[in-house]
C-alpha atoms as a PDB file:
ATOM      1  CA  UNK A   1      11.294  -7.629  -0.231  1.00  0.00           C
ATOM      2  CA  UNK A   2      14.280  -5.779  -1.156  1.00  0.00           C
ATOM      3  CA  UNK A   3      17.936  -6.669  -2.570  1.00  0.00           C
ATOM      4  CA  UNK A   4      21.287  -6.078  -3.820  1.00  0.00           C
ATOM      5  CA  UNK A   5      22.923  -6.604  -7.042  1.00  0.00           C
ATOM      6  CA  UNK A   6      26.551  -6.330  -8.164  1.00  0.00           C
ATOM      7  CA  UNK A   7      26.807  -3.556 -10.572  1.00  0.00           C
ATOM      8  CA  UNK A   8      25.874  -4.987 -14.070  1.00  0.00           C
ATOM      9  CA  UNK A   9      26.565  -8.856 -12.726  1.00  0.00           C
ATOM     10  CA  UNK A  10      23.016 -10.679 -12.882  1.00  0.00           C
ATOM     11  CA  UNK A  11      19.632 -11.227 -10.863  1.00  0.00           C
ATOM     12  CA  UNK A  12      19.586  -9.675  -7.551  1.00  0.00           C
ATOM     13  CA  UNK A  13      19.725 -12.053  -4.394  1.00  0.00           C
ATOM     14  CA  UNK A  14      16.878 -12.787  -2.316  1.00  0.00           C
ATOM     15  CA  UNK A  15      17.491 -10.197   0.384  1.00  0.00           C
ATOM     16  CA  UNK A  16      19.532  -6.861   1.221  1.00  0.00           C
ATOM     17  CA  UNK A  17      21.229  -9.251   3.739  1.00  0.00           C
ATOM     18  CA  UNK A  18      22.869 -11.021   1.218  1.00  0.00           C
ATOM     19  CA  UNK A  19      25.019  -7.919   0.235  1.00  0.00           C
ATOM     20  CA  UNK A  20      26.469  -8.200   3.318  1.00  0.00           C
ATOM     21  CA  UNK A  21      27.399 -11.656   3.243  1.00  0.00           C
ATOM     22  CA  UNK A  22      28.469 -11.240  -0.722  1.00  0.00           C
ATOM     23  CA  UNK A  23      31.494  -8.511  -0.002  1.00  0.00           C
ATOM     24  CA  UNK A  24      32.640 -10.642   2.854  1.00  0.00           C
ATOM     25  CA  UNK A  25      31.553  -7.975   5.457  1.00  0.00           C
ATOM     26  CA  UNK A  26      30.703 -10.700   8.035  1.00  0.00           C
ATOM     27  CA  UNK A  27      33.222 -13.506   7.103  1.00  0.00           C
ATOM     28  CA  UNK A  28      36.032 -10.868   7.375  1.00  0.00           C
ATOM     29  CA  UNK A  29      36.864 -11.135   3.859  1.00  0.00           C
ATOM     30  CA  UNK A  30      37.549  -7.327   2.800  1.00  0.00           C
ATOM     31  CA  UNK A  31      39.009  -7.996  -0.242  1.00  0.00           C
ATOM     32  CA  UNK A  32      35.824  -5.995  -2.280  1.00  0.00           C
ATOM     33  CA  UNK A  33      37.115  -2.693  -2.171  1.00  0.00           C
ATOM     34  CA  UNK A  34      40.433  -3.218  -0.573  1.00  0.00           C
ATOM     35  CA  UNK A  35      41.231  -4.019  -4.516  1.00  0.00           C
ATOM     36  CA  UNK A  36      39.003  -1.778  -6.031  1.00  0.00           C
ATOM     37  CA  UNK A  37      38.507   1.408  -3.747  1.00  0.00           C
ATOM     38  CA  UNK A  38      35.814   2.528  -6.176  1.00  0.00           C
ATOM     39  CA  UNK A  39      33.813  -0.642  -6.718  1.00  0.00           C
ATOM     40  CA  UNK A  40      29.852  -0.239  -6.643  1.00  0.00           C
ATOM     41  CA  UNK A  41      27.072  -2.390  -5.611  1.00  0.00           C
ATOM     42  CA  UNK A  42      23.460  -1.572  -7.068  1.00  0.00           C
ATOM     43  CA  UNK A  43      20.771  -1.480  -4.403  1.00  0.00           C
ATOM     44  CA  UNK A  44      17.543  -2.477  -5.964  1.00  0.00           C
ATOM     45  CA  UNK A  45      14.067  -2.266  -4.020  1.00  0.00           C
ATOM     46  CA  UNK A  46      11.563  -4.708  -6.001  1.00  0.00           C
ATOM     47  CA  UNK A  47       8.844  -2.759  -6.154  1.00  0.00           C
ATOM     48  CA  UNK A  48       6.553  -0.420  -8.107  1.00  0.00           C
ATOM     49  CA  UNK A  49       8.573   2.598  -6.829  1.00  0.00           C
ATOM     50  CA  UNK A  50      11.318   5.061  -8.228  1.00  0.00           C
ATOM     51  CA  UNK A  51      14.273   6.931  -6.644  1.00  0.00           C
ATOM     52  CA  UNK A  52      13.110  10.493  -6.468  1.00  0.00           C
ATOM     53  CA  UNK A  53      15.083  13.913  -5.736  1.00  0.00           C
ATOM     54  CA  UNK A  54      13.562  17.385  -5.194  1.00  0.00           C
ATOM     55  CA  UNK A  55      15.790  20.519  -5.677  1.00  0.00           C
ATOM     56  CA  UNK A  56      15.497  22.431  -2.179  1.00  0.00           C
ATOM     57  CA  UNK A  57      14.250  26.122  -3.121  1.00  0.00           C
ATOM     58  CA  UNK A  58      14.375  29.034  -0.716  1.00  0.00           C
ATOM     59  CA  UNK A  59      10.903  28.388   0.881  1.00  0.00           C
ATOM     60  CA  UNK A  60      11.945  24.905   2.592  1.00  0.00           C
ATOM     61  CA  UNK A  61       8.494  22.433   1.416  1.00  0.00           C
ATOM     62  CA  UNK A  62       7.370  20.380   4.290  1.00  0.00           C
ATOM     63  CA  UNK A  63       8.341  15.848   4.150  1.00  0.00           C
ATOM     64  CA  UNK A  64       6.375  13.679   2.924  1.00  0.00           C
ATOM     65  CA  UNK A  65       7.152   9.723   3.418  1.00  0.00           C
ATOM     66  CA  UNK A  66       7.797   9.745  -0.357  1.00  0.00           C
ATOM     67  CA  UNK A  67      10.460  12.216  -1.255  1.00  0.00           C
ATOM     68  CA  UNK A  68      11.315  13.194   2.678  1.00  0.00           C
ATOM     69  CA  UNK A  69      12.809  16.761   3.408  1.00  0.00           C
ATOM     70  CA  UNK A  70      13.709  18.810  -0.127  1.00  0.00           C
ATOM     71  CA  UNK A  71      16.853  17.945  -1.553  1.00  0.00           C
ATOM     72  CA  UNK A  72      16.866  14.302  -0.602  1.00  0.00           C
ATOM     73  CA  UNK A  73      16.887  11.349  -2.336  1.00  0.00           C
ATOM     74  CA  UNK A  74      15.020   7.741  -1.524  1.00  0.00           C
ATOM     75  CA  UNK A  75      16.770   4.490  -1.804  1.00  0.00           C
ATOM     76  CA  UNK A  76      14.411   2.462  -3.344  1.00  0.00           C
ATOM     77  CA  UNK A  77      13.483   1.454  -6.828  1.00  0.00           C
ATOM     78  CA  UNK A  78      11.065   1.471  -9.516  1.00  0.00           C
ATOM     79  CA  UNK A  79      10.983  -1.186 -12.318  1.00  0.00           C
ATOM     80  CA  UNK A  80      13.988  -0.331 -15.028  1.00  0.00           C
ATOM     81  CA  UNK A  81      15.559   2.533 -11.955  1.00  0.00           C
ATOM     82  CA  UNK A  82      17.798   1.979  -9.579  1.00  0.00           C
ATOM     83  CA  UNK A  83      20.292   3.879  -7.176  1.00  0.00           C
ATOM     84  CA  UNK A  84      23.940   3.105  -7.274  1.00  0.00           C
ATOM     85  CA  UNK A  85      26.148   3.139  -3.240  1.00  0.00           C
ATOM     86  CA  UNK A  86      29.130   2.800  -2.319  1.00  0.00           C
ATOM     87  CA  UNK A  87      30.701  -0.054   0.394  1.00  0.00           C
ATOM     88  CA  UNK A  88      32.886   1.805   2.923  1.00  0.00           C
ATOM     89  CA  UNK A  89      36.591   2.715   1.785  1.00  0.00           C
ATOM     90  CA  UNK A  90      39.562   2.381   3.659  1.00  0.00           C
ATOM     91  CA  UNK A  91      40.603   5.608   6.225  1.00  0.00           C
ATOM     92  CA  UNK A  92      42.081   8.550   4.369  1.00  0.00           C
ATOM     93  CA  UNK A  93      40.454   7.290   0.680  1.00  0.00           C
ATOM     94  CA  UNK A  94      39.400  10.125  -1.635  1.00  0.00           C
ATOM     95  CA  UNK A  95      36.228   9.002  -3.432  1.00  0.00           C
ATOM     96  CA  UNK A  96      34.114  10.987  -6.097  1.00  0.00           C
ATOM     97  CA  UNK A  97      30.426  12.198  -5.377  1.00  0.00           C
ATOM     98  CA  UNK A  98      27.667  11.243  -6.801  1.00  0.00           C
ATOM     99  CA  UNK A  99      26.607  15.265  -7.026  1.00  0.00           C
ATOM    100  CA  UNK A 100      30.459  16.124  -8.118  1.00  0.00           C
ATOM    101  CA  UNK A 101      30.671  17.864  -5.014  1.00  0.00           C
ATOM    102  CA  UNK A 102      34.663  18.019  -3.927  1.00  0.00           C
ATOM    103  CA  UNK A 103      35.912  14.083  -2.480  1.00  0.00           C
ATOM    104  CA  UNK A 104      35.194  13.626   0.756  1.00  0.00           C
ATOM    105  CA  UNK A 105      38.364  11.999   3.126  1.00  0.00           C
ATOM    106  CA  UNK A 106      37.827   9.105   5.342  1.00  0.00           C
ATOM    107  CA  UNK A 107      39.736  10.024   7.882  1.00  0.00           C
ATOM    108  CA  UNK A 108      38.303   7.833  11.187  1.00  0.00           C
ATOM    109  CA  UNK A 109      36.989   3.803  10.620  1.00  0.00           C
ATOM    110  CA  UNK A 110      35.868   2.684  13.961  1.00  0.00           C
ATOM    111  CA  UNK A 111      35.618  -0.864  13.992  1.00  0.00           C
ATOM    112  CA  UNK A 112      34.793  -3.824  15.333  1.00  0.00           C
ATOM    113  CA  UNK A 113      37.546  -6.089  16.931  1.00  0.00           C
ATOM    114  CA  UNK A 114      39.262  -7.594  14.562  1.00  0.00           C
ATOM    115  CA  UNK A 115      39.204  -4.855  12.253  1.00  0.00           C
ATOM    116  CA  UNK A 116      35.812  -6.108  10.922  1.00  0.00           C
ATOM    117  CA  UNK A 117      32.792  -2.976   9.822  1.00  0.00           C
ATOM    118  CA  UNK A 118      30.399  -2.090  12.512  1.00  0.00           C
ATOM    119  CA  UNK A 119      26.848  -2.928  11.171  1.00  0.00           C
ATOM    120  CA  UNK A 120      24.358  -0.402  12.037  1.00  0.00           C
ATOM    121  CA  UNK A 121      20.453  -1.074  11.520  1.00  0.00           C
ATOM    122  CA  UNK A 122      18.458   1.765  10.247  1.00  0.00           C
ATOM    123  CA  UNK A 123      14.141   1.458  10.175  1.00  0.00           C
ATOM    124  CA  UNK A 124      12.654   1.604   7.057  1.00  0.00           C
ATOM    125  CA  UNK A 125       9.370   3.379   5.927  1.00  0.00           C
ATOM    126  CA  UNK A 126       6.393   1.356   4.842  1.00  0.00           C
ATOM    127  CA  UNK A 127       3.909   2.168   2.241  1.00  0.00           C
ATOM    128  CA  UNK A 128       0.961  -0.136   1.814  1.00  0.00           C
ATOM    129  CA  UNK A 129       0.023  -1.589  -1.566  1.00  0.00           C
ATOM    130  CA  UNK A 130      -2.156   0.627  -3.478  1.00  0.00           C
ATOM    131  CA  UNK A 131      -3.259   0.543  -7.102  1.00  0.00           C
ATOM    132  CA  UNK A 132      -0.566   0.627  -9.266  1.00  0.00           C
ATOM    133  CA  UNK A 133       2.068   0.258  -6.541  1.00  0.00           C
ATOM    134  CA  UNK A 134       2.743  -2.695  -4.644  1.00  0.00           C
ATOM    135  CA  UNK A 135       3.691  -2.312  -0.798  1.00  0.00           C
ATOM    136  CA  UNK A 136       6.993  -1.396  -0.125  1.00  0.00           C
ATOM    137  CA  UNK A 137       9.806  -0.587   2.384  1.00  0.00           C
ATOM    138  CA  UNK A 138      12.228   2.470   1.536  1.00  0.00           C
ATOM    139  CA  UNK A 139      15.132   4.750   3.434  1.00  0.00           C
ATOM    140  CA  UNK A 140      15.790   8.324   2.419  1.00  0.00           C
ATOM    141  CA  UNK A 141      19.271   8.087   1.294  1.00  0.00           C
ATOM    142  CA  UNK A 142      20.773  10.417   3.537  1.00  0.00           C
ATOM    143  CA  UNK A 143      20.320   8.059   6.484  1.00  0.00           C
ATOM    144  CA  UNK A 144      22.613   5.816   5.087  1.00  0.00           C
ATOM    145  CA  UNK A 145      25.294   8.265   3.853  1.00  0.00           C
ATOM    146  CA  UNK A 146      25.422   9.778   7.496  1.00  0.00           C
ATOM    147  CA  UNK A 147      26.274   6.180   8.694  1.00  0.00           C
ATOM    148  CA  UNK A 148      28.411   5.045   5.067  1.00  0.00           C
ATOM    149  CA  UNK A 149      30.267   8.176   5.017  1.00  0.00           C
ATOM    150  CA  UNK A 150      31.822   7.760   8.872  1.00  0.00           C
ATOM    151  CA  UNK A 151      33.130   3.784   7.682  1.00  0.00           C
ATOM    152  CA  UNK A 152      30.283   2.184   9.138  1.00  0.00           C
ATOM    153  CA  UNK A 153      28.167  -0.285   7.129  1.00  0.00           C
ATOM    154  CA  UNK A 154      23.762   1.062   6.854  1.00  0.00           C
ATOM    155  CA  UNK A 155      21.543  -2.238   7.037  1.00  0.00           C
ATOM    156  CA  UNK A 156      18.068  -1.184   6.153  1.00  0.00           C
ATOM    157  CA  UNK A 157      15.515  -2.855   8.132  1.00  0.00           C
ATOM    158  CA  UNK A 158      12.000  -4.096   6.549  1.00  0.00           C
ATOM    159  CA  UNK A 159       9.693  -2.629   9.407  1.00  0.00           C
ATOM    160  CA  UNK A 160       7.113  -5.217   8.790  1.00  0.00           C
ATOM    161  CA  UNK A 161       8.040  -8.712   8.538  1.00  0.00           C
ATOM    162  CA  UNK A 162       7.579 -10.980  11.129  1.00  0.00           C
ATOM    163  CA  UNK A 163      11.124 -11.901  11.855  1.00  0.00           C
ATOM    164  CA  UNK A 164      12.472 -13.206  15.706  1.00  0.00           C
ATOM    165  CA  UNK A 165      13.991 -10.416  16.894  1.00  0.00           C
ATOM    166  CA  UNK A 166      17.244 -11.676  18.062  1.00  0.00           C
ATOM    167  CA  UNK A 167      18.096 -12.336  14.112  1.00  0.00           C
ATOM    168  CA  UNK A 168      19.515  -8.433  14.542  1.00  0.00           C
ATOM    169  CA  UNK A 169      22.052  -9.780  16.923  1.00  0.00           C
ATOM    170  CA  UNK A 170      24.114  -9.326  14.193  1.00  0.00           C
ATOM    171  CA  UNK A 171      23.889  -5.952  14.598  1.00  0.00           C
ATOM    172  CA  UNK A 172      26.488  -3.289  16.465  1.00  0.00           C
ATOM    173  CA  UNK A 173      23.809  -0.132  16.751  1.00  0.00           C
ATOM    174  CA  UNK A 174      20.331   1.364  15.229  1.00  0.00           C
ATOM    175  CA  UNK A 175      18.720   4.034  13.943  1.00  0.00           C
ATOM    176  CA  UNK A 176      15.515   4.828  14.267  1.00  0.00           C
ATOM    177  CA  UNK A 177      14.927   7.107  10.783  1.00  0.00           C
ATOM    178  CA  UNK A 178      12.104   9.593  10.906  1.00  0.00           C
ATOM    179  CA  UNK A 179       8.706   9.717   8.937  1.00  0.00           C
ATOM    180  CA  UNK A 180       6.122  11.297   7.286  1.00  0.00           C
ATOM    181  CA  UNK A 181       3.646   9.550   9.296  1.00  0.00           C
ATOM    182  CA  UNK A 182       2.147   9.869  12.812  1.00  0.00           C
ATOM    183  CA  UNK A 183       2.261   7.279  15.414  1.00  0.00           C
ATOM    184  CA  UNK A 184      -1.277   6.520  16.666  1.00  0.00           C
ATOM    185  CA  UNK A 185      -2.846   8.047  19.725  1.00  0.00           C
ATOM    186  CA  UNK A 186      -3.865   4.627  20.662  1.00  0.00           C
ATOM    187  CA  UNK A 187       0.016   4.159  21.669  1.00  0.00           C
ATOM    188  CA  UNK A 188       0.604   6.793  24.027  1.00  0.00           C
ATOM    189  CA  UNK A 189      -2.994   6.595  25.781  1.00  0.00           C
ATOM    190  CA  UNK A 190      -4.868   9.023  24.122  1.00  0.00           C
ATOM    191  CA  UNK A 191      -7.818   9.426  21.789  1.00  0.00           C
ATOM    192  CA  UNK A 192      -7.126  10.889  18.519  1.00  0.00           C
ATOM    193  CA  UNK A 193      -8.186  14.676  17.681  1.00  0.00           C
ATOM    194  CA  UNK A 194      -6.092  15.704  14.987  1.00  0.00           C
ATOM    195  CA  UNK A 195      -7.371  14.106  11.634  1.00  0.00           C
ATOM    196  CA  UNK A 196      -5.293  16.187   8.935  1.00  0.00           C
ATOM    197  CA  UNK A 197      -2.235  13.562   9.351  1.00  0.00           C
ATOM    198  CA  UNK A 198      -1.545   9.861   8.352  1.00  0.00           C
ATOM    199  CA  UNK A 199      -1.002   7.200  11.026  1.00  0.00           C
ATOM    200  CA  UNK A 200       1.981   5.111  10.693  1.00  0.00           C
ATOM    201  CA  UNK A 201       1.124   1.389  10.654  1.00  0.00           C
ATOM    202  CA  UNK A 202       0.870  -0.981  13.287  1.00  0.00           C
ATOM    203  CA  UNK A 203       3.150  -3.256  12.039  1.00  0.00           C
ATOM    204  CA  UNK A 204       6.180  -0.984  11.622  1.00  0.00           C
ATOM    205  CA  UNK A 205       5.234   0.829  15.387  1.00  0.00           C
ATOM    206  CA  UNK A 206       5.802  -2.712  16.828  1.00  0.00           C
ATOM    207  CA  UNK A 207       8.840  -3.605  14.664  1.00  0.00           C
ATOM    208  CA  UNK A 208      10.291  -0.776  16.358  1.00  0.00           C
ATOM    209  CA  UNK A 209       8.965  -1.090  19.482  1.00  0.00           C
ATOM    210  CA  UNK A 210      10.557  -4.548  20.145  1.00  0.00           C
ATOM    211  CA  UNK A 211      13.564  -3.563  18.329  1.00  0.00           C
ATOM    212  CA  UNK A 212      14.044  -0.770  21.341  1.00  0.00           C
ATOM    213  CA  UNK A 213      13.459  -3.315  23.854  1.00  0.00           C
ATOM    214  CA  UNK A 214      15.778  -5.735  21.993  1.00  0.00           C
ATOM    215  CA  UNK A 215      19.018  -3.027  21.603  1.00  0.00           C
ATOM    216  CA  UNK A 216      18.071  -1.129  25.549  1.00  0.00           C
ATOM    217  CA  UNK A 217      18.370  -5.250  26.492  1.00  0.00           C
ATOM    218  CA  UNK A 218      21.625  -5.461  25.153  1.00  0.00           C
ATOM    219  CA  UNK A 219      22.718  -2.081  26.041  1.00  0.00           C
ATOM    220  CA  UNK A 220      24.079  -1.504  22.453  1.00  0.00           C
ATOM    221  CA  UNK A 221      23.755   2.372  21.136  1.00  0.00           C
ATOM    222  CA  UNK A 222      20.178   3.836  19.983  1.00  0.00           C
ATOM    223  CA  UNK A 223      20.010   7.056  17.617  1.00  0.00           C
ATOM    224  CA  UNK A 224      16.482   8.052  17.170  1.00  0.00           C
ATOM    225  CA  UNK A 225      15.988  10.973  14.212  1.00  0.00           C
ATOM    226  CA  UNK A 226      12.442  13.029  14.015  1.00  0.00           C
ATOM    227  CA  UNK A 227      10.018  10.432  14.114  1.00  0.00           C
ATOM    228  CA  UNK A 228      12.097   7.953  15.398  1.00  0.00           C
ATOM    229  CA  UNK A 229      12.915  10.335  18.288  1.00  0.00           C
ATOM    230  CA  UNK A 230       9.205  10.627  19.242  1.00  0.00           C
ATOM    231  CA  UNK A 231       9.261   6.686  19.092  1.00  0.00           C
ATOM    232  CA  UNK A 232      11.823   6.377  21.802  1.00  0.00           C
ATOM    233  CA  UNK A 233       9.414   8.766  24.034  1.00  0.00           C
ATOM    234  CA  UNK A 234       6.183   6.807  23.286  1.00  0.00           C
ATOM    235  CA  UNK A 235       8.457   3.799  24.253  1.00  0.00           C
ATOM    236  CA  UNK A 236       8.971   5.071  27.850  1.00  0.00           C
ATOM    237  CA  UNK A 237       5.329   5.797  27.851  1.00  0.00           C
ATOM    238  CA  UNK A 238       5.891   9.179  27.508  1.00  0.00           C
ATOM    239  CA  UNK A 239       3.437  10.917  25.385  1.00  0.00           C
ATOM    240  CA  UNK A 240       2.991  13.283  22.151  1.00  0.00           C
ATOM    241  CA  UNK A 241       1.207  16.445  20.803  1.00  0.00           C
ATOM    242  CA  UNK A 242      -0.813  15.371  17.567  1.00  0.00           C
ATOM    243  CA  UNK A 243       0.161  18.964  16.051  1.00  0.00           C
ATOM    244  CA  UNK A 244       1.836  21.526  17.422  1.00  0.00           C
ATOM    245  CA  UNK A 245       0.607  24.944  15.652  1.00  0.00           C
ATOM    246  CA  UNK A 246      -2.688  23.595  16.938  1.00  0.00           C
ATOM    247  CA  UNK A 247      -1.449  22.969  20.515  1.00  0.00           C
ATOM    248  CA  UNK A 248      -0.613  26.655  21.330  1.00  0.00           C
ATOM    249  CA  UNK A 249       2.124  25.492  22.920  1.00  0.00           C
ATOM    250  CA  UNK A 250       4.670  26.577  20.361  1.00  0.00           C
ATOM    251  CA  UNK A 251       5.281  29.951  18.767  1.00  0.00           C
ATOM    252  CA  UNK A 252       7.887  29.150  16.144  1.00  0.00           C
ATOM    253  CA  UNK A 253       7.971  27.763  12.908  1.00  0.00           C
ATOM    254  CA  UNK A 254       8.919  23.408  13.028  1.00  0.00           C
ATOM    255  CA  UNK A 255       7.927  22.457   9.619  1.00  0.00           C
ATOM    256  CA  UNK A 256       9.606  24.361   7.264  1.00  0.00           C
ATOM    257  CA  UNK A 257      12.554  25.682   9.019  1.00  0.00           C
ATOM    258  CA  UNK A 258      15.355  25.600  10.778  1.00  0.00           C
ATOM    259  CA  UNK A 259      15.841  27.788  14.765  1.00  0.00           C
ATOM    260  CA  UNK A 260      18.421  27.583  17.254  1.00  0.00           C
ATOM    261  CA  UNK A 261      18.722  25.106  20.779  1.00  0.00           C
ATOM    262  CA  UNK A 262      18.885  25.608  24.365  1.00  0.00           C
ATOM    263  CA  UNK A 263      20.579  23.152  26.280  1.00  0.00           C
ATOM    264  CA  UNK A 264      19.770  21.793  29.214  1.00  0.00           C
ATOM    265  CA  UNK A 265      21.685  19.014  30.585  1.00  0.00           C
ATOM    266  CA  UNK A 266      23.301  16.460  28.560  1.00  0.00           C
ATOM    267  CA  UNK A 267      26.353  14.627  28.078  1.00  0.00           C
ATOM    268  CA  UNK A 268      29.652  17.117  28.758  1.00  0.00           C
ATOM    269  CA  UNK A 269      30.631  15.891  24.962  1.00  0.00           C
ATOM    270  CA  UNK A 270      28.044  17.650  23.491  1.00  0.00           C
ATOM    271  CA  UNK A 271      29.106  21.126  22.064  1.00  0.00           C
ATOM    272  CA  UNK A 272      26.594  24.220  23.340  1.00  0.00           C
ATOM    273  CA  UNK A 273      27.767  27.061  20.697  1.00  0.00           C
ATOM    274  CA  UNK A 274      26.719  25.697  17.726  1.00  0.00           C
ATOM    275  CA  UNK A 275      24.765  26.991  14.520  1.00  0.00           C
ATOM    276  CA  UNK A 276      20.698  26.282  13.922  1.00  0.00           C
ATOM    277  CA  UNK A 277      19.587  22.979  13.129  1.00  0.00           C
ATOM    278  CA  UNK A 278      16.943  22.074  10.867  1.00  0.00           C
ATOM    279  CA  UNK A 279      12.976  21.497  11.303  1.00  0.00           C
ATOM    280  CA  UNK A 280      10.632  18.828   9.654  1.00  0.00           C
ATOM    281  CA  UNK A 281       8.072  18.252  11.627  1.00  0.00           C
ATOM    282  CA  UNK A 282       4.603  18.809  13.416  1.00  0.00           C
ATOM    283  CA  UNK A 283       4.244  17.006  16.564  1.00  0.00           C
ATOM    284  CA  UNK A 284       6.376  17.187  19.811  1.00  0.00           C
ATOM    285  CA  UNK A 285       6.709  15.801  23.113  1.00  0.00           C
ATOM    286  CA  UNK A 286       4.155  16.353  25.641  1.00  0.00           C
ATOM    287  CA  UNK A 287       4.551  14.396  28.761  1.00  0.00           C
ATOM    288  CA  UNK A 288       8.516  13.180  29.465  1.00  0.00           C
ATOM    289  CA  UNK A 289       9.521   9.417  28.632  1.00  0.00           C
ATOM    290  CA  UNK A 290      10.643   7.617  31.641  1.00  0.00           C
ATOM    291  CA  UNK A 291      14.022   7.829  32.444  1.00  0.00           C
ATOM    292  CA  UNK A 292      14.401  10.575  29.988  1.00  0.00           C
ATOM    293  CA  UNK A 293      16.138  13.631  30.496  1.00  0.00           C
ATOM    294  CA  UNK A 294      15.771  16.705  27.950  1.00  0.00           C
ATOM    295  CA  UNK A 295      19.104  18.043  27.284  1.00  0.00           C
ATOM    296  CA  UNK A 296      18.000  20.784  24.106  1.00  0.00           C
ATOM    297  CA  UNK A 297      15.105  22.527  23.391  1.00  0.00           C
ATOM    298  CA  UNK A 298      13.651  25.270  20.941  1.00  0.00           C
ATOM    299  CA  UNK A 299      13.451  28.825  21.793  1.00  0.00           C
ATOM    300  CA  UNK A 300       9.961  28.109  22.332  1.00  0.00           C
ATOM    301  CA  UNK A 301      10.657  24.986  25.099  1.00  0.00           C
ATOM    302  CA  UNK A 302       9.966  22.643  22.252  1.00  0.00           C
ATOM    303  CA  UNK A 303      11.657  19.156  23.483  1.00  0.00           C
ATOM    304  CA  UNK A 304      14.919  18.919  20.979  1.00  0.00           C
ATOM    305  CA  UNK A 305      16.915  16.242  22.401  1.00  0.00           C
ATOM    306  CA  UNK A 306      16.434  13.607  24.795  1.00  0.00           C
ATOM    307  CA  UNK A 307      18.521  11.101  26.185  1.00  0.00           C
ATOM    308  CA  UNK A 308      18.448   8.310  28.911  1.00  0.00           C
ATOM    309  CA  UNK A 309      21.855   8.857  31.300  1.00  0.00           C
ATOM    310  CA  UNK A 310      22.397   5.543  32.506  1.00  0.00           C
ATOM    311  CA  UNK A 311      22.763   3.757  29.428  1.00  0.00           C
ATOM    312  CA  UNK A 312      25.937   4.259  27.151  1.00  0.00           C
ATOM    313  CA  UNK A 313      24.075   5.453  23.870  1.00  0.00           C
ATOM    314  CA  UNK A 314      20.209   5.798  23.756  1.00  0.00           C
ATOM    315  CA  UNK A 315      19.515   9.052  22.333  1.00  0.00           C
ATOM    316  CA  UNK A 316      17.312  11.190  20.561  1.00  0.00           C
ATOM    317  CA  UNK A 317      16.996  14.164  18.208  1.00  0.00           C
ATOM    318  CA  UNK A 318      14.036  15.781  17.150  1.00  0.00           C
ATOM    319  CA  UNK A 319      16.067  17.604  13.994  1.00  0.00           C
ATOM    320  CA  UNK A 320      17.920  15.406  10.910  1.00  0.00           C
ATOM    321  CA  UNK A 321      21.755  15.395  11.617  1.00  0.00           C
ATOM    322  CA  UNK A 322      21.884  13.354   8.687  1.00  0.00           C
ATOM    323  CA  UNK A 323      21.072  16.248   6.015  1.00  0.00           C
ATOM    324  CA  UNK A 324      23.349  18.925   7.847  1.00  0.00           C
ATOM    325  CA  UNK A 325      26.355  16.463   7.964  1.00  0.00           C
ATOM    326  CA  UNK A 326      29.045  19.416   8.678  1.00  0.00           C
ATOM    327  CA  UNK A 327      26.979  20.925  11.555  1.00  0.00           C
ATOM    328  CA  UNK A 328      29.277  20.182  14.824  1.00  0.00           C
ATOM    329  CA  UNK A 329      25.760  18.676  16.710  1.00  0.00           C
ATOM    330  CA  UNK A 330      25.584  15.827  13.672  1.00  0.00           C
ATOM    331  CA  UNK A 331      29.299  14.853  13.665  1.00  0.00           C
ATOM    332  CA  UNK A 332      29.721  14.673  17.691  1.00  0.00           C
ATOM    333  CA  UNK A 333      26.979  13.063  17.801  1.00  0.00           C
ATOM    334  CA  UNK A 334      27.337  10.341  15.072  1.00  0.00           C
ATOM    335  CA  UNK A 335      30.934  10.224  16.271  1.00  0.00           C
ATOM    336  CA  UNK A 336      29.511   9.136  19.934  1.00  0.00           C
ATOM    337  CA  UNK A 337      26.921   6.781  18.347  1.00  0.00           C
ATOM    338  CA  UNK A 338      29.996   4.695  16.408  1.00  0.00           C
ATOM    339  CA  UNK A 339      32.545   4.726  19.300  1.00  0.00           C
ATOM    340  CA  UNK A 340      30.096   2.990  21.531  1.00  0.00           C
ATOM    341  CA  UNK A 341      28.552   0.943  18.799  1.00  0.00           C
ATOM    342  CA  UNK A 342      32.553  -0.113  18.837  1.00  0.00           C
ATOM    343  CA  UNK A 343      33.186  -0.659  22.643  1.00  0.00           C
ATOM    344  CA  UNK A 344      29.959  -2.891  22.842  1.00  0.00           C
ATOM    345  CA  UNK A 345      31.118  -5.159  19.833  1.00  0.00           C
ATOM    346  CA  UNK A 346      32.021  -8.269  20.650  1.00  0.00           C
ATOM    347  CA  UNK A 347      35.012  -9.621  18.726  1.00  0.00           C
ATOM    348  CA  UNK A 348      34.674 -10.640  15.372  1.00  0.00           C
ATOM    349  CA  UNK A 349      34.344 -14.069  14.568  1.00  0.00           C
END
């Protein structure tokens, strides 16, 4: 189980959620970062894992569940190693980056009523126990930064614990993260024909399906990214192509490349004249799920963006916006996601 420890102070708490309680976010006391805008908290996952970082070579390597897309760090830790994460800063505050890049400025902080930060759940990946390694939950760092850099608070959700679904009523929105693992064809009524992949844990699939139903019923915003995009389609009784290269349905490279987008329908707020997006997937949507519309495709016709226009925000993308944070689509999708979360959030207690 993950835990959080204030940098340089005491032993880690029992659960990741204690981070939120200890910094006073749920109780309304925002003093920890108001008094010291550069205060940090150490996030340590108590299992035999590590923070890894891979450089991005000219030829982009494919994603795997341990390291993710190239150049991406993992918010997890090995005994003796940990990753530093920052709590949100006040609007207009410049803060130094861990990579030495120019400081980023937060100009807009979507808040709940009562000026409390939004709490956004992000599903974690899961790796089973094996020789020399304990079972672990982990999340690629870019997902958390994509949310925190906009002023909201990312909450990493354990993907295999048997928790009552209503414990997540504290959350204002849900991000379904991607994964190097594939959803079993059993979940969309087909027999497995592609054997060069690794299947996602049944417990993770169940957890994410339950989360989707809960957030849909509550009409809270949902954003699916890459594997999360595919999960949304399967949840709505759609099907997937097990492997695009061998399916004969794709004529461009989707695993280690970037490509343009072609827009169909979709919300009016989406910019259309945009640069290419990244691509790190070998599966794709086959039959579209119930109530969904495709609003973007790759040049070879593969679905890249889906939405349920009947809900306030139920949208998925096949690419990784968290890795292209300067991209117009990445910025607009995040903005509308958090705006919807703010509108749907009840009065802060």
